Amino acid sequence: MIKRGANTYQTQQIMTASPVMLVAMLYDKAIQSLKKAVIAIDAGDVQARWNASNRAFEIIQHLQRTLDRERGGDVAANLDALYGHMLRLLPEVNMKNDQKAAKDVIGLLEPLRDSWRQAAANANASAAPVAKSAHDSFAERTVVSA
């Protein structure tokens, strides 16, 4: 029952998140997965390590595939190269049971995640006055028409 509620909450967060926040959430999930891989290496849990590192690999691969290289210019090119580097490091987690590779990728992902979170916060702050005025306008129309 609790798990179903948590899943519902998580689904609602995803469905209502801005595109910028969705990217930050992907970074969060990749980081979380790599931290699980490190824990699994310590515990000697090969299956958990593989599942966690594979999940992070899939997320980073998705981020790389969805880059808008035409509009993104140099930023997209730099992210593409960085994601490629991460994707070359991640197989070491499974092939060599290498915590360092996972930690190195976490170290690359965290500043990116923080930047996207800041961008989402800035976007929300600039949208708040517009949303407030739209809400106030709606409230005035509702009162006037009643």
N, C-alpha and C. Protein backbone atom coordinates (compact mmCIF):
# COMPACT_ATOMS: atom_id res chain seq x y z
N MET A 1 0.82 -1.19 0.00
CA MET A 1 0.00 0.00 0.00
C MET A 1 0.87 1.26 0.00
N ILE A 2 1.89 1.29 0.86
CA ILE A 2 2.77 2.46 0.92
C ILE A 2 3.53 2.62 -0.38
N LYS A 3 3.99 1.50 -0.95
CA LYS A 3 4.74 1.57 -2.20
C LYS A 3 3.87 2.13 -3.33
N ARG A 4 2.61 1.72 -3.37
CA ARG A 4 1.71 2.21 -4.40
C ARG A 4 1.52 3.72 -4.26
N GLY A 5 1.40 4.20 -3.03
CA GLY A 5 1.27 5.62 -2.79
C GLY A 5 2.51 6.38 -3.23
N ALA A 6 3.67 5.82 -2.94
CA ALA A 6 4.93 6.45 -3.36
C ALA A 6 5.03 6.48 -4.88
N ASN A 7 4.62 5.40 -5.53
CA ASN A 7 4.65 5.37 -7.00
C ASN A 7 3.69 6.40 -7.59
N THR A 8 2.52 6.55 -6.98
CA THR A 8 1.56 7.54 -7.45
C THR A 8 2.13 8.94 -7.30
N TYR A 9 2.75 9.21 -6.16
CA TYR A 9 3.36 10.52 -5.92
C TYR A 9 4.47 10.79 -6.94
N GLN A 10 5.30 9.78 -7.18
CA GLN A 10 6.40 9.95 -8.13
C GLN A 10 5.86 10.20 -9.54
N THR A 11 4.84 9.48 -9.92
CA THR A 11 4.22 9.68 -11.23
C THR A 11 3.67 11.08 -11.35
N GLN A 12 3.02 11.56 -10.30
CA GLN A 12 2.47 12.90 -10.31
C GLN A 12 3.58 13.95 -10.43
N GLN A 13 4.70 13.74 -9.74
CA GLN A 13 5.83 14.66 -9.84
C GLN A 13 6.33 14.74 -11.28
N ILE A 14 6.45 13.60 -11.91
CA ILE A 14 6.96 13.55 -13.28
C ILE A 14 5.99 14.21 -14.25
N MET A 15 4.72 13.91 -14.09
CA MET A 15 3.71 14.43 -15.02
C MET A 15 3.54 15.95 -14.91
N THR A 16 3.85 16.52 -13.76
CA THR A 16 3.66 17.96 -13.57
C THR A 16 4.96 18.76 -13.66
N ALA A 17 6.08 18.08 -13.84
CA ALA A 17 7.38 18.76 -13.88
C ALA A 17 7.58 19.46 -15.21
N SER A 18 8.31 20.57 -15.16
CA SER A 18 8.69 21.27 -16.37
C SER A 18 9.73 20.44 -17.11
N PRO A 19 9.93 20.69 -18.41
CA PRO A 19 10.98 19.97 -19.14
C PRO A 19 12.36 20.13 -18.50
N VAL A 20 12.65 21.32 -17.99
CA VAL A 20 13.95 21.55 -17.35
C VAL A 20 14.07 20.69 -16.09
N MET A 21 13.00 20.63 -15.30
CA MET A 21 13.03 19.83 -14.08
C MET A 21 13.11 18.34 -14.42
N LEU A 22 12.51 17.91 -15.52
CA LEU A 22 12.60 16.50 -15.92
C LEU A 22 14.05 16.10 -16.19
N VAL A 23 14.81 17.00 -16.80
CA VAL A 23 16.23 16.71 -17.04
C VAL A 23 16.96 16.57 -15.71
N ALA A 24 16.68 17.48 -14.78
CA ALA A 24 17.31 17.40 -13.45
C ALA A 24 16.93 16.10 -12.77
N MET A 25 15.69 15.66 -12.93
CA MET A 25 15.24 14.41 -12.32
C MET A 25 15.96 13.21 -12.94
N LEU A 26 16.25 13.27 -14.23
CA LEU A 26 17.02 12.19 -14.87
C LEU A 26 18.43 12.13 -14.29
N TYR A 27 19.04 13.29 -14.10
CA TYR A 27 20.35 13.31 -13.46
C TYR A 27 20.28 12.71 -12.06
N ASP A 28 19.24 13.09 -11.30
CA ASP A 28 19.06 12.54 -9.95
C ASP A 28 19.00 11.02 -9.98
N LYS A 29 18.22 10.48 -10.90
CA LYS A 29 18.05 9.03 -10.99
C LYS A 29 19.36 8.35 -11.39
N ALA A 30 20.10 8.95 -12.31
CA ALA A 30 21.39 8.36 -12.71
C ALA A 30 22.36 8.36 -11.53
N ILE A 31 22.41 9.47 -10.80
CA ILE A 31 23.30 9.55 -9.63
C ILE A 31 22.88 8.53 -8.58
N GLN A 32 21.59 8.48 -8.30
CA GLN A 32 21.07 7.51 -7.33
C GLN A 32 21.42 6.08 -7.74
N SER A 33 21.28 5.78 -9.01
CA SER A 33 21.59 4.43 -9.51
C SER A 33 23.07 4.11 -9.34
N LEU A 34 23.94 5.07 -9.63
CA LEU A 34 25.37 4.82 -9.48
C LEU A 34 25.77 4.67 -8.02
N LYS A 35 25.11 5.40 -7.14
CA LYS A 35 25.38 5.22 -5.71
C LYS A 35 24.94 3.82 -5.25
N LYS A 36 23.85 3.33 -5.82
CA LYS A 36 23.41 1.96 -5.52
C LYS A 36 24.42 0.95 -6.05
N ALA A 37 25.01 1.24 -7.21
CA ALA A 37 26.02 0.35 -7.77
C ALA A 37 27.24 0.27 -6.85
N VAL A 38 27.65 1.40 -6.30
CA VAL A 38 28.79 1.43 -5.38
C VAL A 38 28.48 0.59 -4.14
N ILE A 39 27.28 0.76 -3.60
CA ILE A 39 26.87 -0.02 -2.42
C ILE A 39 26.84 -1.51 -2.76
N ALA A 40 26.34 -1.83 -3.95
CA ALA A 40 26.28 -3.23 -4.37
C ALA A 40 27.67 -3.84 -4.52
N ILE A 41 28.63 -3.06 -5.00
CA ILE A 41 30.01 -3.54 -5.10
C ILE A 41 30.54 -3.87 -3.71
N ASP A 42 30.30 -2.96 -2.76
CA ASP A 42 30.73 -3.21 -1.38
C ASP A 42 30.09 -4.48 -0.81
N ALA A 43 28.83 -4.72 -1.18
CA ALA A 43 28.10 -5.87 -0.64
C ALA A 43 28.37 -7.15 -1.43
N GLY A 44 29.06 -7.03 -2.56
CA GLY A 44 29.31 -8.20 -3.38
C GLY A 44 28.07 -8.68 -4.12
N ASP A 45 27.10 -7.79 -4.31
CA ASP A 45 25.84 -8.13 -4.98
C ASP A 45 25.96 -7.81 -6.47
N VAL A 46 26.34 -8.82 -7.24
CA VAL A 46 26.61 -8.64 -8.67
C VAL A 46 25.35 -8.20 -9.43
N GLN A 47 24.22 -8.82 -9.13
CA GLN A 47 22.98 -8.49 -9.85
C GLN A 47 22.55 -7.05 -9.57
N ALA A 48 22.60 -6.64 -8.32
CA ALA A 48 22.21 -5.27 -7.98
C ALA A 48 23.16 -4.26 -8.62
N ARG A 49 24.46 -4.58 -8.64
CA ARG A 49 25.44 -3.71 -9.28
C ARG A 49 25.13 -3.56 -10.75
N TRP A 50 24.85 -4.67 -11.42
CA TRP A 50 24.56 -4.63 -12.85
C TRP A 50 23.28 -3.85 -13.11
N ASN A 51 22.23 -4.12 -12.35
CA ASN A 51 20.96 -3.41 -12.54
C ASN A 51 21.15 -1.90 -12.38
N ALA A 52 21.84 -1.51 -11.33
CA ALA A 52 22.01 -0.09 -11.03
C ALA A 52 22.88 0.61 -12.07
N SER A 53 24.00 0.01 -12.43
CA SER A 53 24.88 0.66 -13.40
C SER A 53 24.25 0.67 -14.79
N ASN A 54 23.50 -0.38 -15.12
CA ASN A 54 22.81 -0.42 -16.40
C ASN A 54 21.74 0.67 -16.47
N ARG A 55 21.04 0.91 -15.38
CA ARG A 55 20.02 1.96 -15.34
C ARG A 55 20.67 3.32 -15.58
N ALA A 56 21.79 3.58 -14.91
CA ALA A 56 22.49 4.84 -15.11
C ALA A 56 22.96 4.98 -16.57
N PHE A 57 23.47 3.89 -17.13
CA PHE A 57 23.91 3.88 -18.52
C PHE A 57 22.76 4.26 -19.45
N GLU A 58 21.60 3.65 -19.22
CA GLU A 58 20.43 3.93 -20.06
C GLU A 58 19.99 5.39 -19.97
N ILE A 59 20.04 5.95 -18.78
CA ILE A 59 19.65 7.35 -18.59
C ILE A 59 20.61 8.28 -19.32
N ILE A 60 21.90 8.04 -19.15
CA ILE A 60 22.90 8.90 -19.80
C ILE A 60 22.81 8.75 -21.32
N GLN A 61 22.59 7.54 -21.77
CA GLN A 61 22.41 7.31 -23.20
C GLN A 61 21.19 8.08 -23.72
N HIS A 62 20.11 8.07 -22.96
CA HIS A 62 18.90 8.82 -23.34
C HIS A 62 19.20 10.32 -23.39
N LEU A 63 19.91 10.84 -22.39
CA LEU A 63 20.26 12.25 -22.38
C LEU A 63 21.09 12.61 -23.62
N GLN A 64 22.01 11.72 -23.98
CA GLN A 64 22.84 11.98 -25.15
C GLN A 64 22.02 11.94 -26.44
N ARG A 65 21.15 10.97 -26.55
CA ARG A 65 20.33 10.82 -27.77
C ARG A 65 19.35 11.97 -27.98
N THR A 66 18.92 12.58 -26.90
CA THR A 66 17.90 13.62 -27.02
C THR A 66 18.47 15.03 -27.06
N LEU A 67 19.78 15.16 -27.15
CA LEU A 67 20.38 16.48 -27.29
C LEU A 67 19.91 17.12 -28.60
N ASP A 68 19.59 18.38 -28.54
CA ASP A 68 19.22 19.13 -29.74
C ASP A 68 20.49 19.80 -30.26
N ARG A 69 21.17 19.08 -31.13
CA ARG A 69 22.47 19.54 -31.61
C ARG A 69 22.36 20.77 -32.51
N GLU A 70 21.24 20.93 -33.19
CA GLU A 70 21.07 22.08 -34.07
C GLU A 70 20.91 23.37 -33.27
N ARG A 71 20.03 23.36 -32.30
CA ARG A 71 19.78 24.57 -31.51
C ARG A 71 20.75 24.70 -30.35
N GLY A 72 21.35 23.59 -29.92
CA GLY A 72 22.22 23.61 -28.75
C GLY A 72 23.62 24.11 -28.99
N GLY A 73 24.06 24.10 -30.23
CA GLY A 73 25.38 24.63 -30.57
C GLY A 73 26.51 23.99 -29.78
N ASP A 74 27.39 24.84 -29.28
CA ASP A 74 28.57 24.37 -28.55
C ASP A 74 28.20 23.66 -27.25
N VAL A 75 27.14 24.12 -26.59
CA VAL A 75 26.73 23.47 -25.34
C VAL A 75 26.35 22.02 -25.61
N ALA A 76 25.55 21.80 -26.65
CA ALA A 76 25.14 20.44 -27.00
C ALA A 76 26.35 19.60 -27.39
N ALA A 77 27.27 20.18 -28.13
CA ALA A 77 28.48 19.45 -28.54
C ALA A 77 29.31 19.06 -27.32
N ASN A 78 29.43 19.97 -26.36
CA ASN A 78 30.19 19.67 -25.15
C ASN A 78 29.50 18.60 -24.30
N LEU A 79 28.17 18.71 -24.18
CA LEU A 79 27.43 17.68 -23.43
C LEU A 79 27.54 16.33 -24.12
N ASP A 80 27.49 16.33 -25.44
CA ASP A 80 27.62 15.08 -26.20
C ASP A 80 28.95 14.41 -25.89
N ALA A 81 30.02 15.20 -25.89
CA ALA A 81 31.34 14.65 -25.59
C ALA A 81 31.41 14.16 -24.14
N LEU A 82 30.83 14.90 -23.22
CA LEU A 82 30.85 14.51 -21.81
C LEU A 82 30.04 13.23 -21.59
N TYR A 83 28.86 13.16 -22.19
CA TYR A 83 28.06 11.94 -22.07
C TYR A 83 28.80 10.75 -22.68
N GLY A 84 29.46 10.97 -23.82
CA GLY A 84 30.24 9.90 -24.44
C GLY A 84 31.33 9.40 -23.51
N HIS A 85 32.00 10.31 -22.84
CA HIS A 85 33.05 9.95 -21.87
C HIS A 85 32.44 9.11 -20.75
N MET A 86 31.30 9.55 -20.23
CA MET A 86 30.64 8.80 -19.15
C MET A 86 30.27 7.39 -19.62
N LEU A 87 29.75 7.30 -20.83
CA LEU A 87 29.33 5.99 -21.35
C LEU A 87 30.52 5.07 -21.59
N ARG A 88 31.70 5.63 -21.83
CA ARG A 88 32.90 4.80 -21.95
C ARG A 88 33.40 4.34 -20.59
N LEU A 89 33.17 5.14 -19.55
CA LEU A 89 33.60 4.76 -18.19
C LEU A 89 32.69 3.70 -17.56
N LEU A 90 31.40 3.80 -17.79
CA LEU A 90 30.45 2.96 -17.07
C LEU A 90 30.63 1.45 -17.25
N PRO A 91 31.03 0.94 -18.40
CA PRO A 91 31.23 -0.51 -18.48
C PRO A 91 32.27 -1.04 -17.50
N GLU A 92 33.19 -0.17 -17.07
CA GLU A 92 34.19 -0.58 -16.09
C GLU A 92 33.56 -0.99 -14.75
N VAL A 93 32.41 -0.39 -14.44
CA VAL A 93 31.73 -0.72 -13.19
C VAL A 93 31.42 -2.20 -13.17
N ASN A 94 30.91 -2.73 -14.27
CA ASN A 94 30.53 -4.13 -14.32
C ASN A 94 31.68 -5.06 -14.70
N MET A 95 32.47 -4.65 -15.67
CA MET A 95 33.53 -5.55 -16.13
C MET A 95 34.65 -5.71 -15.11
N LYS A 96 34.92 -4.64 -14.36
CA LYS A 96 36.03 -4.68 -13.41
C LYS A 96 35.59 -4.49 -11.97
N ASN A 97 34.26 -4.44 -11.76
CA ASN A 97 33.73 -4.23 -10.40
C ASN A 97 34.33 -2.95 -9.82
N ASP A 98 34.35 -1.89 -10.64
CA ASP A 98 35.11 -0.68 -10.37
C ASP A 98 34.25 0.44 -9.79
N GLN A 99 34.41 0.67 -8.49
CA GLN A 99 33.71 1.77 -7.83
C GLN A 99 34.19 3.13 -8.34
N LYS A 100 35.47 3.21 -8.66
CA LYS A 100 36.04 4.50 -9.08
C LYS A 100 35.34 5.01 -10.33
N ALA A 101 35.06 4.15 -11.28
CA ALA A 101 34.37 4.58 -12.50
C ALA A 101 32.99 5.15 -12.15
N ALA A 102 32.26 4.47 -11.26
CA ALA A 102 30.94 4.96 -10.85
C ALA A 102 31.08 6.31 -10.14
N LYS A 103 32.03 6.43 -9.25
CA LYS A 103 32.23 7.67 -8.51
C LYS A 103 32.66 8.81 -9.44
N ASP A 104 33.49 8.50 -10.44
CA ASP A 104 33.92 9.52 -11.40
C ASP A 104 32.72 10.05 -12.18
N VAL A 105 31.83 9.16 -12.60
CA VAL A 105 30.65 9.59 -13.35
C VAL A 105 29.71 10.39 -12.44
N ILE A 106 29.57 9.96 -11.20
CA ILE A 106 28.76 10.74 -10.24
C ILE A 106 29.33 12.17 -10.14
N GLY A 107 30.66 12.26 -10.06
CA GLY A 107 31.31 13.56 -9.97
C GLY A 107 31.07 14.45 -11.18
N LEU A 108 30.85 13.84 -12.32
CA LEU A 108 30.53 14.60 -13.54
C LEU A 108 29.05 14.97 -13.59
N LEU A 109 28.20 14.08 -13.09
CA LEU A 109 26.75 14.31 -13.15
C LEU A 109 26.25 15.34 -12.14
N GLU A 110 26.84 15.36 -10.96
CA GLU A 110 26.32 16.23 -9.90
C GLU A 110 26.32 17.72 -10.28
N PRO A 111 27.41 18.26 -10.84
CA PRO A 111 27.35 19.68 -11.22
C PRO A 111 26.33 19.96 -12.34
N LEU A 112 26.17 19.00 -13.24
CA LEU A 112 25.16 19.16 -14.29
C LEU A 112 23.77 19.19 -13.69
N ARG A 113 23.52 18.25 -12.78
CA ARG A 113 22.22 18.21 -12.10
C ARG A 113 21.94 19.51 -11.36
N ASP A 114 22.95 20.00 -10.65
CA ASP A 114 22.79 21.24 -9.89
C ASP A 114 22.47 22.42 -10.81
N SER A 115 23.11 22.45 -11.96
CA SER A 115 22.86 23.53 -12.93
C SER A 115 21.43 23.47 -13.46
N TRP A 116 20.96 22.27 -13.77
CA TRP A 116 19.59 22.12 -14.28
C TRP A 116 18.58 22.45 -13.19
N ARG A 117 18.87 22.10 -11.95
CA ARG A 117 17.96 22.45 -10.85
C ARG A 117 17.89 23.98 -10.69
N GLN A 118 19.05 24.62 -10.80
CA GLN A 118 19.07 26.08 -10.70
C GLN A 118 18.29 26.71 -11.85
N ALA A 119 18.46 26.17 -13.05
CA ALA A 119 17.71 26.68 -14.20
C ALA A 119 16.21 26.51 -13.99
N ALA A 120 15.80 25.38 -13.42
CA ALA A 120 14.38 25.14 -13.14
C ALA A 120 13.88 26.13 -12.10
N ALA A 121 14.68 26.39 -11.07
CA ALA A 121 14.28 27.34 -10.03
C ALA A 121 14.15 28.75 -10.62
N ASN A 122 15.09 29.12 -11.49
CA ASN A 122 15.03 30.44 -12.13
C ASN A 122 13.81 30.56 -13.03
N ALA A 123 13.50 29.50 -13.76
CA ALA A 123 12.33 29.51 -14.64
C ALA A 123 11.06 29.62 -13.82
N ASN A 124 10.99 28.91 -12.70
CA ASN A 124 9.81 28.98 -11.84
C ASN A 124 9.65 30.37 -11.23
N ALA A 125 10.75 30.97 -10.84
CA ALA A 125 10.70 32.30 -10.23
C ALA A 125 10.21 33.34 -11.23
N SER A 126 10.66 33.24 -12.48
CA SER A 126 10.22 34.22 -13.48
C SER A 126 8.80 33.96 -13.94
N ALA A 127 8.34 32.71 -13.85
CA ALA A 127 6.98 32.38 -14.25
C ALA A 127 5.97 32.67 -13.16
N ALA A 128 6.41 32.76 -11.92
CA ALA A 128 5.49 32.95 -10.79
C ALA A 128 4.64 34.22 -10.92
N PRO A 129 5.23 35.39 -11.26
CA PRO A 129 4.38 36.57 -11.39
C PRO A 129 3.34 36.43 -12.49
N VAL A 130 3.70 35.80 -13.59
CA VAL A 130 2.76 35.60 -14.69
C VAL A 130 1.63 34.68 -14.23
N ALA A 131 1.99 33.59 -13.57
CA ALA A 131 0.97 32.66 -13.08
C ALA A 131 0.07 33.35 -12.06
N LYS A 132 0.66 34.17 -11.20
CA LYS A 132 -0.12 34.86 -10.18
C LYS A 132 -1.10 35.82 -10.85
N SER A 133 -0.63 36.59 -11.81
CA SER A 133 -1.52 37.55 -12.46
C SER A 133 -2.60 36.83 -13.26
N ALA A 134 -2.26 35.71 -13.86
CA ALA A 134 -3.27 34.94 -14.58
C ALA A 134 -4.31 34.40 -13.61
N HIS A 135 -3.85 33.96 -12.47
CA HIS A 135 -4.78 33.46 -11.45
C HIS A 135 -5.66 34.59 -10.94
N ASP A 136 -5.06 35.76 -10.67
CA ASP A 136 -5.84 36.90 -10.18
C ASP A 136 -6.88 37.33 -11.21
N SER A 137 -6.50 37.33 -12.48
CA SER A 137 -7.44 37.70 -13.54
C SER A 137 -8.60 36.73 -13.59
N PHE A 138 -8.31 35.44 -13.46
CA PHE A 138 -9.35 34.43 -13.46
C PHE A 138 -10.29 34.64 -12.28
N ALA A 139 -9.71 34.93 -11.11
CA ALA A 139 -10.52 35.15 -9.90
C ALA A 139 -11.42 36.36 -10.08
N GLU A 140 -10.89 37.45 -10.68
CA GLU A 140 -11.71 38.64 -10.90
C GLU A 140 -12.86 38.34 -11.85
N ARG A 141 -12.62 37.62 -12.93
CA ARG A 141 -13.68 37.29 -13.88
C ARG A 141 -14.74 36.44 -13.22
N THR A 142 -14.30 35.52 -12.37
CA THR A 142 -15.23 34.63 -11.71
C THR A 142 -16.15 35.42 -10.77
N VAL A 143 -15.57 36.38 -10.03
CA VAL A 143 -16.37 37.17 -9.10
C VAL A 143 -17.31 38.10 -9.88
N VAL A 144 -16.81 38.73 -10.95
CA VAL A 144 -17.62 39.66 -11.72
C VAL A 144 -18.78 38.95 -12.40
N SER A 145 -18.53 37.78 -12.97
CA SER A 145 -19.58 37.08 -13.70
C SER A 145 -20.59 36.42 -12.77
N ALA A 146 -20.28 36.26 -11.52
CA ALA A 146 -21.20 35.60 -10.60
C ALA A 146 -22.21 36.57 -10.16
